[in-house]
Protein backbone atom coordinates (compact mmCIF):
# COMPACT_ATOMS: atom_id res chain seq x y z
CA UNK A 1 0.00 0.00 0.00
CA UNK A 2 1.45 3.34 -1.01
CA UNK A 3 1.77 6.07 1.60
CA UNK A 4 -0.55 8.98 0.90
CA UNK A 5 1.69 12.02 1.36
CA UNK A 6 -1.29 14.40 1.48
CA UNK A 7 -2.16 13.02 4.94
CA UNK A 8 1.31 13.60 6.32
CA UNK A 9 0.96 15.13 9.81
CA UNK A 10 3.82 17.52 9.11
CA UNK A 11 1.83 19.09 6.28
CA UNK A 12 -1.05 19.65 8.67
CA UNK A 13 1.30 21.29 11.17
CA UNK A 14 2.76 23.52 8.46
CA UNK A 15 -0.71 24.97 7.89
CA UNK A 16 -1.14 25.63 11.62
CA UNK A 17 2.04 27.66 12.22
CA UNK A 18 1.01 30.90 13.92
CA UNK A 19 -2.35 29.44 14.95
CA UNK A 20 -3.55 28.28 18.37
CA UNK A 21 -3.15 24.58 19.12
CA UNK A 22 -3.55 22.25 22.08
CA UNK A 23 -0.89 19.62 22.77
CA UNK A 24 -1.65 16.66 25.03
CA UNK A 25 1.34 14.80 26.45
CA UNK A 26 1.47 11.11 27.33
CA UNK A 27 1.51 11.99 31.05
CA UNK A 28 -1.81 13.86 30.76
CA UNK A 29 -0.38 17.38 30.79
CA UNK A 30 -1.99 19.71 28.28
CA UNK A 31 -0.41 22.80 26.72
CA UNK A 32 -2.20 25.44 24.68
CA UNK A 33 -0.58 28.25 22.73
CA UNK A 34 0.44 29.52 19.32
CA UNK A 35 2.43 27.07 17.23
CA UNK A 36 5.71 28.84 16.48
CA UNK A 37 7.87 26.03 15.07
CA UNK A 38 8.10 22.28 14.67
CA UNK A 39 10.54 19.80 13.15
CA UNK A 40 10.51 16.33 11.57
CA UNK A 41 10.60 14.70 15.02
CA UNK A 42 7.39 16.57 16.02
CA UNK A 43 9.34 18.69 18.50
CA UNK A 44 7.21 21.78 19.02
CA UNK A 45 7.73 25.35 20.16
CA UNK A 46 4.67 27.17 21.49
CA UNK A 47 4.40 30.90 22.19
CA UNK A 48 2.19 32.33 24.93
CA UNK A 49 1.76 28.80 26.22
CA UNK A 50 -0.41 27.72 29.09
CA UNK A 51 0.20 24.47 30.97
CA UNK A 52 -2.90 22.75 32.31
CA UNK A 53 -2.30 20.10 34.96
CA UNK A 54 -5.33 18.15 36.07
CA UNK A 55 -4.94 15.38 38.60
CA UNK A 56 -6.35 14.28 41.94
CA UNK A 57 -3.89 16.24 44.09
CA UNK A 58 -3.88 19.62 42.37
CA UNK A 59 -5.10 21.76 39.53
CA UNK A 60 -2.58 24.20 38.08
CA UNK A 61 -2.51 26.66 35.21
CA UNK A 62 0.98 28.02 34.49
CA UNK A 63 1.84 30.47 31.71
CA UNK A 64 5.08 30.56 29.68
CA UNK A 65 6.16 33.13 27.07
CA UNK A 66 7.68 30.27 25.04
CA UNK A 67 8.03 26.53 25.60
CA UNK A 68 9.75 23.62 23.86
CA UNK A 69 7.99 20.23 23.82
CA UNK A 70 9.84 17.08 22.77
CA UNK A 71 8.02 15.14 20.10
CA UNK A 72 8.40 11.76 21.80
CA UNK A 73 6.22 13.03 24.70
CA UNK A 74 3.34 14.16 22.48
CA UNK A 75 0.17 12.07 22.43
CA UNK A 76 -1.70 14.37 20.04
CA UNK A 77 -1.90 17.92 18.70
CA UNK A 78 -5.30 19.50 18.23
CA UNK A 79 -6.15 22.75 16.46
CA UNK A 80 -7.93 25.19 18.75
CA UNK A 81 -11.07 26.96 17.50
PDB file of N, CA and C in Angstrom:
ATOM      1  N   UNK A   1       0.837  -1.176   0.000  1.00  0.00           N
ATOM      2  CA  UNK A   1       0.000   0.000   0.000  1.00  0.00           C
ATOM      3  C   UNK A   1       0.885   1.243   0.000  1.00  0.00           C
ATOM      4  N   UNK A   2       0.647   2.127  -0.898  1.00  0.00           N
ATOM      5  CA  UNK A   2       1.446   3.344  -1.007  1.00  0.00           C
ATOM      6  C   UNK A   2       1.042   4.338   0.076  1.00  0.00           C
ATOM      7  N   UNK A   3       2.014   5.057   0.578  1.00  0.00           N
ATOM      8  CA  UNK A   3       1.768   6.066   1.603  1.00  0.00           C
ATOM      9  C   UNK A   3       1.206   7.318   0.950  1.00  0.00           C
ATOM     10  N   UNK A   4       0.096   7.780   1.437  1.00  0.00           N
ATOM     11  CA  UNK A   4      -0.549   8.976   0.902  1.00  0.00           C
ATOM     12  C   UNK A   4       0.087  10.196   1.549  1.00  0.00           C
ATOM     13  N   UNK A   5       0.940  10.889   0.827  1.00  0.00           N
ATOM     14  CA  UNK A   5       1.694  12.015   1.363  1.00  0.00           C
ATOM     15  C   UNK A   5       0.808  13.206   1.718  1.00  0.00           C
ATOM     16  N   UNK A   6      -0.398  13.281   1.169  1.00  0.00           N
ATOM     17  CA  UNK A   6      -1.287  14.400   1.482  1.00  0.00           C
ATOM     18  C   UNK A   6      -1.800  14.325   2.915  1.00  0.00           C
ATOM     19  N   UNK A   7      -1.713  13.175   3.550  1.00  0.00           N
ATOM     20  CA  UNK A   7      -2.164  13.021   4.937  1.00  0.00           C
ATOM     21  C   UNK A   7      -0.999  13.037   5.913  1.00  0.00           C
ATOM     22  N   UNK A   8       0.133  13.494   5.474  1.00  0.00           N
ATOM     23  CA  UNK A   8       1.314  13.599   6.317  1.00  0.00           C
ATOM     24  C   UNK A   8       1.052  14.605   7.434  1.00  0.00           C
ATOM     25  N   UNK A   9       1.230  14.212   8.702  1.00  0.00           N
ATOM     26  CA  UNK A   9       0.955  15.129   9.813  1.00  0.00           C
ATOM     27  C   UNK A   9       1.803  16.403   9.766  1.00  0.00           C
ATOM     28  N   UNK A  10       2.987  16.324   9.188  1.00  0.00           N
ATOM     29  CA  UNK A  10       3.824  17.519   9.113  1.00  0.00           C
ATOM     30  C   UNK A  10       3.214  18.569   8.187  1.00  0.00           C
ATOM     31  N   UNK A  11       2.513  18.132   7.162  1.00  0.00           N
ATOM     32  CA  UNK A  11       1.825  19.091   6.275  1.00  0.00           C
ATOM     33  C   UNK A  11       0.695  19.793   7.024  1.00  0.00           C
ATOM     34  N   UNK A  12       0.027  19.057   7.869  1.00  0.00           N
ATOM     35  CA  UNK A  12      -1.048  19.650   8.669  1.00  0.00           C
ATOM     36  C   UNK A  12      -0.464  20.677   9.627  1.00  0.00           C
ATOM     37  N   UNK A  13       0.652  20.341  10.267  1.00  0.00           N
ATOM     38  CA  UNK A  13       1.300  21.291  11.175  1.00  0.00           C
ATOM     39  C   UNK A  13       1.773  22.536  10.438  1.00  0.00           C
ATOM     40  N   UNK A  14       2.272  22.370   9.228  1.00  0.00           N
ATOM     41  CA  UNK A  14       2.758  23.519   8.460  1.00  0.00           C
ATOM     42  C   UNK A  14       1.644  24.540   8.248  1.00  0.00           C
ATOM     43  N   UNK A  15       0.423  24.066   8.075  1.00  0.00           N
ATOM     44  CA  UNK A  15      -0.712  24.968   7.890  1.00  0.00           C
ATOM     45  C   UNK A  15      -1.127  25.653   9.180  1.00  0.00           C
ATOM     46  N   UNK A  16      -0.726  25.096  10.318  1.00  0.00           N
ATOM     47  CA  UNK A  16      -1.141  25.625  11.623  1.00  0.00           C
ATOM     48  C   UNK A  16      -0.116  26.561  12.258  1.00  0.00           C
ATOM     49  N   UNK A  17       1.031  26.771  11.645  1.00  0.00           N
ATOM     50  CA  UNK A  17       2.041  27.663  12.222  1.00  0.00           C
ATOM     51  C   UNK A  17       1.425  29.049  12.390  1.00  0.00           C
ATOM     52  N   UNK A  18       1.579  29.605  13.597  1.00  0.00           N
ATOM     53  CA  UNK A  18       1.006  30.902  13.922  1.00  0.00           C
ATOM     54  C   UNK A  18      -0.416  30.833  14.444  1.00  0.00           C
ATOM     55  N   UNK A  19      -0.977  29.626  14.486  1.00  0.00           N
ATOM     56  CA  UNK A  19      -2.355  29.439  14.947  1.00  0.00           C
ATOM     57  C   UNK A  19      -2.362  28.784  16.329  1.00  0.00           C
ATOM     58  N   UNK A  20      -3.455  28.939  17.064  1.00  0.00           N
ATOM     59  CA  UNK A  20      -3.547  28.282  18.372  1.00  0.00           C
ATOM     60  C   UNK A  20      -3.742  26.771  18.238  1.00  0.00           C
ATOM     61  N   UNK A  21      -3.031  26.033  19.081  1.00  0.00           N
ATOM     62  CA  UNK A  21      -3.146  24.575  19.123  1.00  0.00           C
ATOM     63  C   UNK A  21      -3.157  24.120  20.575  1.00  0.00           C
ATOM     64  N   UNK A  22      -3.634  22.912  20.780  1.00  0.00           N
ATOM     65  CA  UNK A  22      -3.554  22.250  22.082  1.00  0.00           C
ATOM     66  C   UNK A  22      -2.703  21.001  21.889  1.00  0.00           C
ATOM     67  N   UNK A  23      -1.787  20.770  22.825  1.00  0.00           N
ATOM     68  CA  UNK A  23      -0.895  19.615  22.766  1.00  0.00           C
ATOM     69  C   UNK A  23      -1.092  18.800  24.043  1.00  0.00           C
ATOM     70  N   UNK A  24      -1.492  17.553  23.891  1.00  0.00           N
ATOM     71  CA  UNK A  24      -1.646  16.663  25.034  1.00  0.00           C
ATOM     72  C   UNK A  24      -0.439  15.738  25.092  1.00  0.00           C
ATOM     73  N   UNK A  25       0.186  15.678  26.260  1.00  0.00           N
ATOM     74  CA  UNK A  25       1.343  14.801  26.455  1.00  0.00           C
ATOM     75  C   UNK A  25       0.896  13.448  26.988  1.00  0.00           C
ATOM     76  N   UNK A  26       1.764  12.475  26.877  1.00  0.00           N
ATOM     77  CA  UNK A  26       1.466  11.115  27.329  1.00  0.00           C
ATOM     78  C   UNK A  26       1.188  11.043  28.823  1.00  0.00           C
ATOM     79  N   UNK A  27       1.739  11.994  29.610  1.00  0.00           N
ATOM     80  CA  UNK A  27       1.514  11.986  31.054  1.00  0.00           C
ATOM     81  C   UNK A  27       0.224  12.712  31.455  1.00  0.00           C
ATOM     82  N   UNK A  28      -0.543  13.201  30.476  1.00  0.00           N
ATOM     83  CA  UNK A  28      -1.807  13.859  30.762  1.00  0.00           C
ATOM     84  C   UNK A  28      -1.732  15.373  30.828  1.00  0.00           C
ATOM     85  N   UNK A  29      -0.539  15.934  30.778  1.00  0.00           N
ATOM     86  CA  UNK A  29      -0.378  17.382  30.786  1.00  0.00           C
ATOM     87  C   UNK A  29      -0.818  17.947  29.447  1.00  0.00           C
ATOM     88  N   UNK A  30      -1.512  19.074  29.503  1.00  0.00           N
ATOM     89  CA  UNK A  30      -1.987  19.709  28.278  1.00  0.00           C
ATOM     90  C   UNK A  30      -1.394  21.113  28.185  1.00  0.00           C
ATOM     91  N   UNK A  31      -0.930  21.465  26.993  1.00  0.00           N
ATOM     92  CA  UNK A  31      -0.414  22.801  26.721  1.00  0.00           C
ATOM     93  C   UNK A  31      -1.241  23.418  25.610  1.00  0.00           C
ATOM     94  N   UNK A  32      -1.550  24.688  25.748  1.00  0.00           N
ATOM     95  CA  UNK A  32      -2.199  25.436  24.678  1.00  0.00           C
ATOM     96  C   UNK A  32      -1.339  26.646  24.373  1.00  0.00           C
ATOM     97  N   UNK A  33      -1.356  27.085  23.134  1.00  0.00           N
ATOM     98  CA  UNK A  33      -0.584  28.250  22.733  1.00  0.00           C
ATOM     99  C   UNK A  33      -0.516  28.353  21.221  1.00  0.00           C
ATOM    100  N   UNK A  34       0.255  29.331  20.756  1.00  0.00           N
ATOM    101  CA  UNK A  34       0.440  29.521  19.324  1.00  0.00           C
ATOM    102  C   UNK A  34       1.599  28.668  18.844  1.00  0.00           C
ATOM    103  N   UNK A  35       1.375  27.901  17.801  1.00  0.00           N
ATOM    104  CA  UNK A  35       2.433  27.066  17.230  1.00  0.00           C
ATOM    105  C   UNK A  35       3.446  27.965  16.529  1.00  0.00           C
ATOM    106  N   UNK A  36       4.663  27.999  17.070  1.00  0.00           N
ATOM    107  CA  UNK A  36       5.713  28.836  16.480  1.00  0.00           C
ATOM    108  C   UNK A  36       6.539  28.042  15.483  1.00  0.00           C
ATOM    109  N   UNK A  37       7.018  26.867  15.916  1.00  0.00           N
ATOM    110  CA  UNK A  37       7.870  26.028  15.065  1.00  0.00           C
ATOM    111  C   UNK A  37       7.655  24.564  15.399  1.00  0.00           C
ATOM    112  N   UNK A  38       8.097  23.724  14.478  1.00  0.00           N
ATOM    113  CA  UNK A  38       8.102  22.276  14.671  1.00  0.00           C
ATOM    114  C   UNK A  38       9.209  21.708  13.793  1.00  0.00           C
ATOM    115  N   UNK A  39       9.554  20.443  14.023  1.00  0.00           N
ATOM    116  CA  UNK A  39      10.541  19.802  13.152  1.00  0.00           C
ATOM    117  C   UNK A  39      10.051  18.404  12.770  1.00  0.00           C
ATOM    118  N   UNK A  40      10.888  17.660  12.056  1.00  0.00           N
ATOM    119  CA  UNK A  40      10.506  16.328  11.569  1.00  0.00           C
ATOM    120  C   UNK A  40      10.286  15.316  12.681  1.00  0.00           C
ATOM    121  N   UNK A  41      10.775  15.602  13.877  1.00  0.00           N
ATOM    122  CA  UNK A  41      10.598  14.703  15.017  1.00  0.00           C
ATOM    123  C   UNK A  41       9.377  15.091  15.844  1.00  0.00           C
ATOM    124  N   UNK A  42       8.581  16.047  15.339  1.00  0.00           N
ATOM    125  CA  UNK A  42       7.392  16.565  16.020  1.00  0.00           C
ATOM    126  C   UNK A  42       7.742  17.319  17.300  1.00  0.00           C
ATOM    127  N   UNK A  43       9.008  17.758  17.430  1.00  0.00           N
ATOM    128  CA  UNK A  43       9.340  18.691  18.496  1.00  0.00           C
ATOM    129  C   UNK A  43       8.604  19.984  18.183  1.00  0.00           C
ATOM    130  N   UNK A  44       8.094  20.631  19.224  1.00  0.00           N
ATOM    131  CA  UNK A  44       7.207  21.777  19.023  1.00  0.00           C
ATOM    132  C   UNK A  44       7.656  22.940  19.899  1.00  0.00           C
ATOM    133  N   UNK A  45       7.552  24.144  19.362  1.00  0.00           N
ATOM    134  CA  UNK A  45       7.730  25.355  20.156  1.00  0.00           C
ATOM    135  C   UNK A  45       6.414  26.104  20.133  1.00  0.00           C
ATOM    136  N   UNK A  46       5.894  26.398  21.342  1.00  0.00           N
ATOM    137  CA  UNK A  46       4.669  27.165  21.486  1.00  0.00           C
ATOM    138  C   UNK A  46       4.983  28.523  22.083  1.00  0.00           C
ATOM    139  N   UNK A  47       4.313  29.559  21.606  1.00  0.00           N
ATOM    140  CA  UNK A  47       4.402  30.897  22.187  1.00  0.00           C
ATOM    141  C   UNK A  47       3.157  31.150  23.013  1.00  0.00           C
ATOM    142  N   UNK A  48       3.315  31.996  24.045  1.00  0.00           N
ATOM    143  CA  UNK A  48       2.189  32.334  24.929  1.00  0.00           C
ATOM    144  C   UNK A  48       1.484  31.066  25.398  1.00  0.00           C
ATOM    145  N   UNK A  49       2.279  30.124  25.860  1.00  0.00           N
ATOM    146  CA  UNK A  49       1.764  28.804  26.224  1.00  0.00           C
ATOM    147  C   UNK A  49       1.169  28.803  27.622  1.00  0.00           C
ATOM    148  N   UNK A  50       0.216  27.930  27.793  1.00  0.00           N
ATOM    149  CA  UNK A  50      -0.413  27.724  29.090  1.00  0.00           C
ATOM    150  C   UNK A  50      -0.398  26.230  29.382  1.00  0.00           C
ATOM    151  N   UNK A  51       0.127  25.870  30.545  1.00  0.00           N
ATOM    152  CA  UNK A  51       0.196  24.469  30.967  1.00  0.00           C
ATOM    153  C   UNK A  51      -0.996  24.182  31.857  1.00  0.00           C
ATOM    154  N   UNK A  52      -1.721  23.127  31.537  1.00  0.00           N
ATOM    155  CA  UNK A  52      -2.903  22.747  32.306  1.00  0.00           C
ATOM    156  C   UNK A  52      -2.668  21.379  32.926  1.00  0.00           C
ATOM    157  N   UNK A  53      -2.481  21.358  34.236  1.00  0.00           N
ATOM    158  CA  UNK A  53      -2.300  20.096  34.957  1.00  0.00           C
ATOM    159  C   UNK A  53      -3.598  19.762  35.658  1.00  0.00           C
ATOM    160  N   UNK A  54      -4.098  18.589  35.425  1.00  0.00           N
ATOM    161  CA  UNK A  54      -5.329  18.146  36.070  1.00  0.00           C
ATOM    162  C   UNK A  54      -5.088  16.761  36.653  1.00  0.00           C
ATOM    163  N   UNK A  55      -5.035  16.684  37.959  1.00  0.00           N
ATOM    164  CA  UNK A  55      -4.944  15.376  38.601  1.00  0.00           C
ATOM    165  C   UNK A  55      -5.626  15.452  39.967  1.00  0.00           C
ATOM    166  N   UNK A  56      -5.619  14.364  40.678  1.00  0.00           N
ATOM    167  CA  UNK A  56      -6.355  14.277  41.941  1.00  0.00           C
ATOM    168  C   UNK A  56      -5.798  15.225  43.008  1.00  0.00           C
ATOM    169  N   UNK A  57      -4.491  15.438  43.025  1.00  0.00           N
ATOM    170  CA  UNK A  57      -3.889  16.237  44.088  1.00  0.00           C
ATOM    171  C   UNK A  57      -4.021  17.742  43.872  1.00  0.00           C
ATOM    172  N   UNK A  58      -3.889  18.177  42.607  1.00  0.00           N
ATOM    173  CA  UNK A  58      -3.877  19.619  42.373  1.00  0.00           C
ATOM    174  C   UNK A  58      -4.370  19.954  40.980  1.00  0.00           C
ATOM    175  N   UNK A  59      -4.718  21.212  40.822  1.00  0.00           N
ATOM    176  CA  UNK A  59      -5.098  21.760  39.535  1.00  0.00           C
ATOM    177  C   UNK A  59      -4.267  23.020  39.351  1.00  0.00           C
ATOM    178  N   UNK A  60      -3.515  23.095  38.252  1.00  0.00           N
ATOM    179  CA  UNK A  60      -2.585  24.196  38.075  1.00  0.00           C
ATOM    180  C   UNK A  60      -2.627  24.704  36.641  1.00  0.00           C
ATOM    181  N   UNK A  61      -2.617  26.011  36.516  1.00  0.00           N
ATOM    182  CA  UNK A  61      -2.508  26.663  35.215  1.00  0.00           C
ATOM    183  C   UNK A  61      -1.282  27.576  35.275  1.00  0.00           C
ATOM    184  N   UNK A  62      -0.257  27.240  34.502  1.00  0.00           N
ATOM    185  CA  UNK A  62       0.980  28.017  34.487  1.00  0.00           C
ATOM    186  C   UNK A  62       1.179  28.578  33.085  1.00  0.00           C
ATOM    187  N   UNK A  63       1.633  29.826  33.004  1.00  0.00           N
ATOM    188  CA  UNK A  63       1.844  30.466  31.706  1.00  0.00           C
ATOM    189  C   UNK A  63       3.334  30.604  31.419  1.00  0.00           C
ATOM    190  N   UNK A  64       3.698  30.430  30.140  1.00  0.00           N
ATOM    191  CA  UNK A  64       5.076  30.563  29.684  1.00  0.00           C
ATOM    192  C   UNK A  64       5.088  31.441  28.429  1.00  0.00           C
ATOM    193  N   UNK A  65       6.070  32.340  28.302  1.00  0.00           N
ATOM    194  CA  UNK A  65       6.161  33.126  27.069  1.00  0.00           C
ATOM    195  C   UNK A  65       6.497  32.241  25.864  1.00  0.00           C
ATOM    196  N   UNK A  66       7.305  31.200  26.106  1.00  0.00           N
ATOM    197  CA  UNK A  66       7.683  30.266  25.045  1.00  0.00           C
ATOM    198  C   UNK A  66       8.076  28.952  25.696  1.00  0.00           C
ATOM    199  N   UNK A  67       7.713  27.852  25.043  1.00  0.00           N
ATOM    200  CA  UNK A  67       8.032  26.532  25.605  1.00  0.00           C
ATOM    201  C   UNK A  67       8.380  25.556  24.483  1.00  0.00           C
ATOM    202  N   UNK A  68       9.330  24.666  24.785  1.00  0.00           N
ATOM    203  CA  UNK A  68       9.749  23.619  23.857  1.00  0.00           C
ATOM    204  C   UNK A  68       9.193  22.292  24.358  1.00  0.00           C
ATOM    205  N   UNK A  69       8.551  21.536  23.470  1.00  0.00           N
ATOM    206  CA  UNK A  69       7.991  20.233  23.824  1.00  0.00           C
ATOM    207  C   UNK A  69       8.625  19.180  22.928  1.00  0.00           C
ATOM    208  N   UNK A  70       9.235  18.166  23.546  1.00  0.00           N
ATOM    209  CA  UNK A  70       9.844  17.076  22.767  1.00  0.00           C
ATOM    210  C   UNK A  70       8.769  16.219  22.128  1.00  0.00           C
ATOM    211  N   UNK A  71       8.994  15.883  20.876  1.00  0.00           N
ATOM    212  CA  UNK A  71       8.015  15.139  20.102  1.00  0.00           C
ATOM    213  C   UNK A  71       7.699  13.758  20.647  1.00  0.00           C
ATOM    214  N   UNK A  72       8.661  13.108  21.303  1.00  0.00           N
ATOM    215  CA  UNK A  72       8.398  11.756  21.798  1.00  0.00           C
ATOM    216  C   UNK A  72       7.473  11.755  23.020  1.00  0.00           C
ATOM    217  N   UNK A  73       7.160  12.930  23.575  1.00  0.00           N
ATOM    218  CA  UNK A  73       6.224  13.033  24.696  1.00  0.00           C
ATOM    219  C   UNK A  73       4.803  13.362  24.260  1.00  0.00           C
ATOM    220  N   UNK A  74       4.630  13.691  22.978  1.00  0.00           N
ATOM    221  CA  UNK A  74       3.341  14.156  22.484  1.00  0.00           C
ATOM    222  C   UNK A  74       2.407  12.982  22.193  1.00  0.00           C
ATOM    223  N   UNK A  75       1.200  13.059  22.742  1.00  0.00           N
ATOM    224  CA  UNK A  75       0.171  12.075  22.428  1.00  0.00           C
ATOM    225  C   UNK A  75      -0.623  12.540  21.207  1.00  0.00           C
ATOM    226  N   UNK A  76      -1.055  13.803  21.228  1.00  0.00           N
ATOM    227  CA  UNK A  76      -1.699  14.365  20.038  1.00  0.00           C
ATOM    228  C   UNK A  76      -1.633  15.884  20.060  1.00  0.00           C
ATOM    229  N   UNK A  77      -1.841  16.464  18.878  1.00  0.00           N
ATOM    230  CA  UNK A  77      -1.895  17.916  18.698  1.00  0.00           C
ATOM    231  C   UNK A  77      -3.248  18.214  18.080  1.00  0.00           C
ATOM    232  N   UNK A  78      -3.938  19.182  18.679  1.00  0.00           N
ATOM    233  CA  UNK A  78      -5.295  19.498  18.230  1.00  0.00           C
ATOM    234  C   UNK A  78      -5.385  20.986  17.906  1.00  0.00           C
ATOM    235  N   UNK A  79      -5.936  21.344  16.750  1.00  0.00           N
ATOM    236  CA  UNK A  79      -6.154  22.755  16.457  1.00  0.00           C
ATOM    237  C   UNK A  79      -7.195  23.322  17.403  1.00  0.00           C
ATOM    238  N   UNK A  80      -6.969  24.531  17.872  1.00  0.00           N
ATOM    239  CA  UNK A  80      -7.930  25.188  18.747  1.00  0.00           C
ATOM    240  C   UNK A  80      -8.864  26.047  17.897  1.00  0.00           C
ATOM    241  N   UNK A  81     -10.120  26.138  18.279  1.00  0.00           N
ATOM    242  CA  UNK A  81     -11.067  26.964  17.503  1.00  0.00           C
ATOM    243  C   UNK A  81     -10.767  28.457  17.645  1.00  0.00           C
TER     244      UNK A  81
END
